Amino acid sequence: MKITDDDIQNLAHLSRLELSNSEAISMKEDLSKILDFIATIEQLDLKNIEPLVYMTTSENVLREDRASSSIGHDQAMKNAPEADSDYFKVPKVVDK
């Protein structure tokens, strides 16, 4: 499939991108390479090939989820740079 400059400008408009001339040329070349690659894949006989579900055969090794004791309120408050009775004091982030 041949990519035209109008196709690139239309894609840029739909994507809300502002492309310079050099960026449009680069985008045109990249899209042409992608479409050529897809055309090559379409020519292959893939009838007996199973779809790829995962990129590797490795499995995640997850630890068992066990409840454990955590630090108490007093210890947590000792780690705070600044505290006020039962709460952490933090700098104001949002202005009204």
N, C-alpha and C. Protein backbone atom coordinates (compact mmCIF):
# COMPACT_ATOMS: atom_id res chain seq x y z
N MET A 1 0.85 -1.18 0.00
CA MET A 1 0.00 0.00 0.00
C MET A 1 0.88 1.24 0.00
N LYS A 2 0.56 2.16 -0.82
CA LYS A 2 1.32 3.40 -0.95
C LYS A 2 0.75 4.44 0.00
N ILE A 3 1.62 5.02 0.82
CA ILE A 3 1.24 6.08 1.75
C ILE A 3 1.51 7.42 1.06
N THR A 4 0.52 8.28 1.06
CA THR A 4 0.67 9.60 0.44
C THR A 4 0.85 10.66 1.53
N ASP A 5 1.26 11.83 1.09
CA ASP A 5 1.40 12.94 2.03
C ASP A 5 0.05 13.32 2.63
N ASP A 6 -1.01 13.18 1.83
CA ASP A 6 -2.35 13.47 2.35
C ASP A 6 -2.74 12.49 3.45
N ASP A 7 -2.34 11.22 3.29
CA ASP A 7 -2.62 10.23 4.34
C ASP A 7 -1.93 10.62 5.65
N ILE A 8 -0.69 11.06 5.54
CA ILE A 8 0.06 11.46 6.73
C ILE A 8 -0.59 12.67 7.39
N GLN A 9 -0.98 13.65 6.60
CA GLN A 9 -1.63 14.84 7.15
C GLN A 9 -2.96 14.49 7.79
N ASN A 10 -3.71 13.57 7.19
CA ASN A 10 -4.99 13.15 7.75
C ASN A 10 -4.77 12.41 9.08
N LEU A 11 -3.79 11.50 9.12
CA LEU A 11 -3.48 10.80 10.37
C LEU A 11 -3.02 11.78 11.45
N ALA A 12 -2.20 12.74 11.07
CA ALA A 12 -1.74 13.74 12.03
C ALA A 12 -2.92 14.54 12.58
N HIS A 13 -3.84 14.90 11.69
CA HIS A 13 -5.02 15.65 12.14
C HIS A 13 -5.87 14.82 13.09
N LEU A 14 -6.12 13.55 12.72
CA LEU A 14 -6.94 12.68 13.58
C LEU A 14 -6.27 12.42 14.92
N SER A 15 -4.93 12.39 14.93
CA SER A 15 -4.17 12.15 16.16
C SER A 15 -3.89 13.43 16.93
N ARG A 16 -4.32 14.54 16.37
CA ARG A 16 -4.09 15.86 16.96
C ARG A 16 -2.58 16.12 17.15
N LEU A 17 -1.81 15.77 16.09
CA LEU A 17 -0.37 16.01 16.10
C LEU A 17 -0.03 17.13 15.13
N GLU A 18 0.96 17.91 15.49
CA GLU A 18 1.47 18.92 14.58
C GLU A 18 2.85 18.44 14.13
N LEU A 19 2.95 18.00 12.88
CA LEU A 19 4.19 17.45 12.37
C LEU A 19 4.90 18.47 11.49
N SER A 20 6.21 18.60 11.70
CA SER A 20 7.00 19.41 10.78
C SER A 20 7.20 18.60 9.50
N ASN A 21 7.77 19.23 8.47
CA ASN A 21 7.99 18.52 7.21
C ASN A 21 8.90 17.32 7.40
N SER A 22 9.96 17.47 8.17
CA SER A 22 10.89 16.36 8.39
C SER A 22 10.22 15.24 9.20
N GLU A 23 9.39 15.61 10.16
CA GLU A 23 8.67 14.60 10.94
C GLU A 23 7.65 13.87 10.07
N ALA A 24 6.99 14.59 9.17
CA ALA A 24 6.02 13.96 8.26
C ALA A 24 6.72 12.98 7.33
N ILE A 25 7.88 13.35 6.83
CA ILE A 25 8.65 12.45 5.95
C ILE A 25 9.07 11.20 6.72
N SER A 26 9.56 11.40 7.93
CA SER A 26 9.96 10.27 8.76
C SER A 26 8.77 9.36 9.07
N MET A 27 7.64 9.96 9.38
CA MET A 27 6.43 9.20 9.67
C MET A 27 5.98 8.41 8.45
N LYS A 28 6.08 9.01 7.29
CA LYS A 28 5.70 8.35 6.04
C LYS A 28 6.58 7.13 5.79
N GLU A 29 7.89 7.29 6.01
CA GLU A 29 8.83 6.18 5.82
C GLU A 29 8.55 5.05 6.82
N ASP A 30 8.31 5.42 8.07
CA ASP A 30 8.04 4.42 9.11
C ASP A 30 6.76 3.65 8.82
N LEU A 31 5.69 4.37 8.45
CA LEU A 31 4.43 3.70 8.13
C LEU A 31 4.56 2.80 6.92
N SER A 32 5.34 3.22 5.93
CA SER A 32 5.56 2.38 4.75
C SER A 32 6.26 1.08 5.14
N LYS A 33 7.27 1.18 6.02
CA LYS A 33 7.98 -0.01 6.49
C LYS A 33 7.04 -0.94 7.25
N ILE A 34 6.19 -0.37 8.07
CA ILE A 34 5.25 -1.18 8.85
C ILE A 34 4.29 -1.90 7.92
N LEU A 35 3.74 -1.19 6.96
CA LEU A 35 2.79 -1.80 6.04
C LEU A 35 3.46 -2.85 5.15
N ASP A 36 4.71 -2.61 4.75
CA ASP A 36 5.44 -3.62 3.98
C ASP A 36 5.66 -4.88 4.81
N PHE A 37 5.98 -4.71 6.09
CA PHE A 37 6.17 -5.85 6.98
C PHE A 37 4.87 -6.65 7.13
N ILE A 38 3.76 -5.95 7.29
CA ILE A 38 2.46 -6.62 7.40
C ILE A 38 2.13 -7.36 6.11
N ALA A 39 2.44 -6.77 4.96
CA ALA A 39 2.20 -7.43 3.69
C ALA A 39 3.02 -8.70 3.58
N THR A 40 4.25 -8.69 4.08
CA THR A 40 5.09 -9.88 4.09
C THR A 40 4.48 -10.96 4.95
N ILE A 41 3.98 -10.60 6.10
CA ILE A 41 3.35 -11.57 7.01
C ILE A 41 2.10 -12.16 6.38
N GLU A 42 1.33 -11.33 5.68
CA GLU A 42 0.10 -11.81 5.05
C GLU A 42 0.38 -12.85 3.96
N GLN A 43 1.57 -12.85 3.40
CA GLN A 43 1.92 -13.82 2.36
C GLN A 43 2.30 -15.17 2.93
N LEU A 44 2.59 -15.26 4.21
CA LEU A 44 3.01 -16.51 4.83
C LEU A 44 1.83 -17.44 5.06
N ASP A 45 2.12 -18.75 5.01
CA ASP A 45 1.10 -19.76 5.30
C ASP A 45 1.14 -20.03 6.81
N LEU A 46 0.17 -19.52 7.54
CA LEU A 46 0.14 -19.64 8.99
C LEU A 46 -1.03 -20.48 9.49
N LYS A 47 -1.54 -21.35 8.63
CA LYS A 47 -2.72 -22.14 9.00
C LYS A 47 -2.46 -23.07 10.18
N ASN A 48 -1.29 -23.67 10.25
CA ASN A 48 -0.99 -24.65 11.32
C ASN A 48 -0.21 -24.04 12.47
N ILE A 49 -0.15 -22.74 12.54
CA ILE A 49 0.58 -22.05 13.60
C ILE A 49 -0.42 -21.58 14.66
N GLU A 50 -0.14 -21.98 15.90
CA GLU A 50 -1.00 -21.55 17.02
C GLU A 50 -0.75 -20.08 17.32
N PRO A 51 -1.78 -19.33 17.65
CA PRO A 51 -1.58 -17.92 18.03
C PRO A 51 -0.72 -17.82 19.30
N LEU A 52 0.08 -16.79 19.36
CA LEU A 52 0.95 -16.56 20.50
C LEU A 52 0.15 -15.85 21.59
N VAL A 53 0.09 -16.49 22.76
CA VAL A 53 -0.64 -15.89 23.86
C VAL A 53 0.32 -15.12 24.76
N TYR A 54 1.47 -15.72 25.05
CA TYR A 54 2.48 -15.08 25.90
C TYR A 54 3.79 -15.01 25.14
N MET A 55 4.59 -14.02 25.45
CA MET A 55 5.86 -13.85 24.75
C MET A 55 6.91 -14.87 25.19
N THR A 56 6.80 -15.40 26.39
CA THR A 56 7.76 -16.39 26.88
C THR A 56 7.02 -17.56 27.49
N THR A 57 7.76 -18.61 27.75
CA THR A 57 7.17 -19.77 28.42
C THR A 57 7.38 -19.67 29.93
N SER A 58 8.05 -18.64 30.39
CA SER A 58 8.30 -18.46 31.81
C SER A 58 7.01 -18.15 32.55
N GLU A 59 6.96 -18.58 33.78
CA GLU A 59 5.81 -18.27 34.63
C GLU A 59 6.26 -17.37 35.77
N ASN A 60 5.34 -16.56 36.24
CA ASN A 60 5.65 -15.73 37.40
C ASN A 60 5.81 -16.60 38.62
N VAL A 61 6.82 -16.29 39.40
CA VAL A 61 7.00 -16.98 40.66
C VAL A 61 6.58 -16.01 41.74
N LEU A 62 5.40 -16.25 42.28
CA LEU A 62 4.83 -15.34 43.27
C LEU A 62 4.96 -15.94 44.66
N ARG A 63 5.18 -15.10 45.61
CA ARG A 63 5.24 -15.58 46.98
C ARG A 63 3.83 -15.83 47.50
N GLU A 64 3.75 -16.69 48.47
CA GLU A 64 2.45 -16.95 49.09
C GLU A 64 2.03 -15.72 49.88
N ASP A 65 0.78 -15.39 49.82
CA ASP A 65 0.26 -14.22 50.52
C ASP A 65 -0.06 -14.61 51.95
N ARG A 66 0.76 -14.13 52.87
CA ARG A 66 0.56 -14.46 54.28
C ARG A 66 0.43 -13.17 55.09
N ALA A 67 -0.44 -13.21 56.06
CA ALA A 67 -0.58 -12.07 56.96
C ALA A 67 0.60 -12.05 57.92
N SER A 68 1.10 -10.86 58.17
CA SER A 68 2.20 -10.72 59.13
C SER A 68 1.97 -9.45 59.93
N SER A 69 2.69 -9.35 61.02
CA SER A 69 2.52 -8.17 61.86
C SER A 69 3.16 -6.96 61.20
N SER A 70 2.56 -5.82 61.41
CA SER A 70 3.11 -4.59 60.85
C SER A 70 3.47 -3.65 61.99
N ILE A 71 4.04 -2.52 61.65
CA ILE A 71 4.42 -1.59 62.71
C ILE A 71 3.17 -0.93 63.27
N GLY A 72 3.26 -0.56 64.50
CA GLY A 72 2.13 0.08 65.17
C GLY A 72 2.06 1.56 64.87
N HIS A 73 1.01 2.18 65.34
CA HIS A 73 0.77 3.61 65.12
C HIS A 73 1.90 4.45 65.69
N ASP A 74 2.33 4.14 66.90
CA ASP A 74 3.40 4.92 67.54
C ASP A 74 4.70 4.85 66.75
N GLN A 75 5.04 3.65 66.27
CA GLN A 75 6.27 3.52 65.48
C GLN A 75 6.15 4.27 64.16
N ALA A 76 4.99 4.24 63.55
CA ALA A 76 4.78 4.95 62.29
C ALA A 76 4.93 6.45 62.50
N MET A 77 4.40 6.95 63.58
CA MET A 77 4.48 8.39 63.86
C MET A 77 5.91 8.81 64.14
N LYS A 78 6.74 7.91 64.67
CA LYS A 78 8.15 8.24 64.91
C LYS A 78 8.90 8.44 63.59
N ASN A 79 8.44 7.80 62.52
CA ASN A 79 9.09 7.93 61.21
C ASN A 79 8.68 9.20 60.47
N ALA A 80 7.66 9.88 60.94
CA ALA A 80 7.16 11.07 60.25
C ALA A 80 8.10 12.24 60.47
N PRO A 81 8.39 13.01 59.42
CA PRO A 81 9.21 14.20 59.61
C PRO A 81 8.53 15.22 60.51
N GLU A 82 7.18 15.25 60.41
CA GLU A 82 6.41 16.16 61.25
C GLU A 82 5.06 15.51 61.52
N ALA A 83 4.63 15.56 62.77
CA ALA A 83 3.37 14.93 63.13
C ALA A 83 2.59 15.84 64.06
N ASP A 84 1.26 15.66 64.08
CA ASP A 84 0.39 16.42 64.96
C ASP A 84 -0.57 15.43 65.59
N SER A 85 -0.40 15.11 66.83
CA SER A 85 -1.15 14.12 67.59
C SER A 85 -1.21 12.79 66.84
N ASP A 86 -2.30 12.50 66.18
CA ASP A 86 -2.47 11.20 65.53
C ASP A 86 -2.24 11.23 64.03
N TYR A 87 -1.82 12.36 63.44
CA TYR A 87 -1.76 12.48 61.99
C TYR A 87 -0.40 12.96 61.53
N PHE A 88 -0.06 12.58 60.28
CA PHE A 88 1.14 13.12 59.64
C PHE A 88 0.85 14.53 59.18
N LYS A 89 1.82 15.43 59.31
CA LYS A 89 1.69 16.78 58.78
C LYS A 89 2.46 16.82 57.46
N VAL A 90 1.79 17.28 56.41
CA VAL A 90 2.42 17.38 55.10
C VAL A 90 2.22 18.79 54.56
N PRO A 91 3.09 19.22 53.64
CA PRO A 91 2.90 20.55 53.05
C PRO A 91 1.62 20.62 52.24
N LYS A 92 1.05 21.81 52.19
CA LYS A 92 -0.16 22.02 51.41
C LYS A 92 0.15 21.82 49.92
N VAL A 93 -0.70 21.05 49.24
CA VAL A 93 -0.47 20.73 47.84
C VAL A 93 -1.47 21.41 46.92
N VAL A 94 -2.72 21.53 47.35
CA VAL A 94 -3.78 22.06 46.51
C VAL A 94 -4.23 23.40 47.06
N ASP A 95 -4.28 24.41 46.18
CA ASP A 95 -4.80 25.71 46.57
C ASP A 95 -6.26 25.80 46.15
N LYS A 96 -7.06 26.49 46.94
CA LYS A 96 -8.48 26.67 46.59
C LYS A 96 -8.67 27.92 45.80
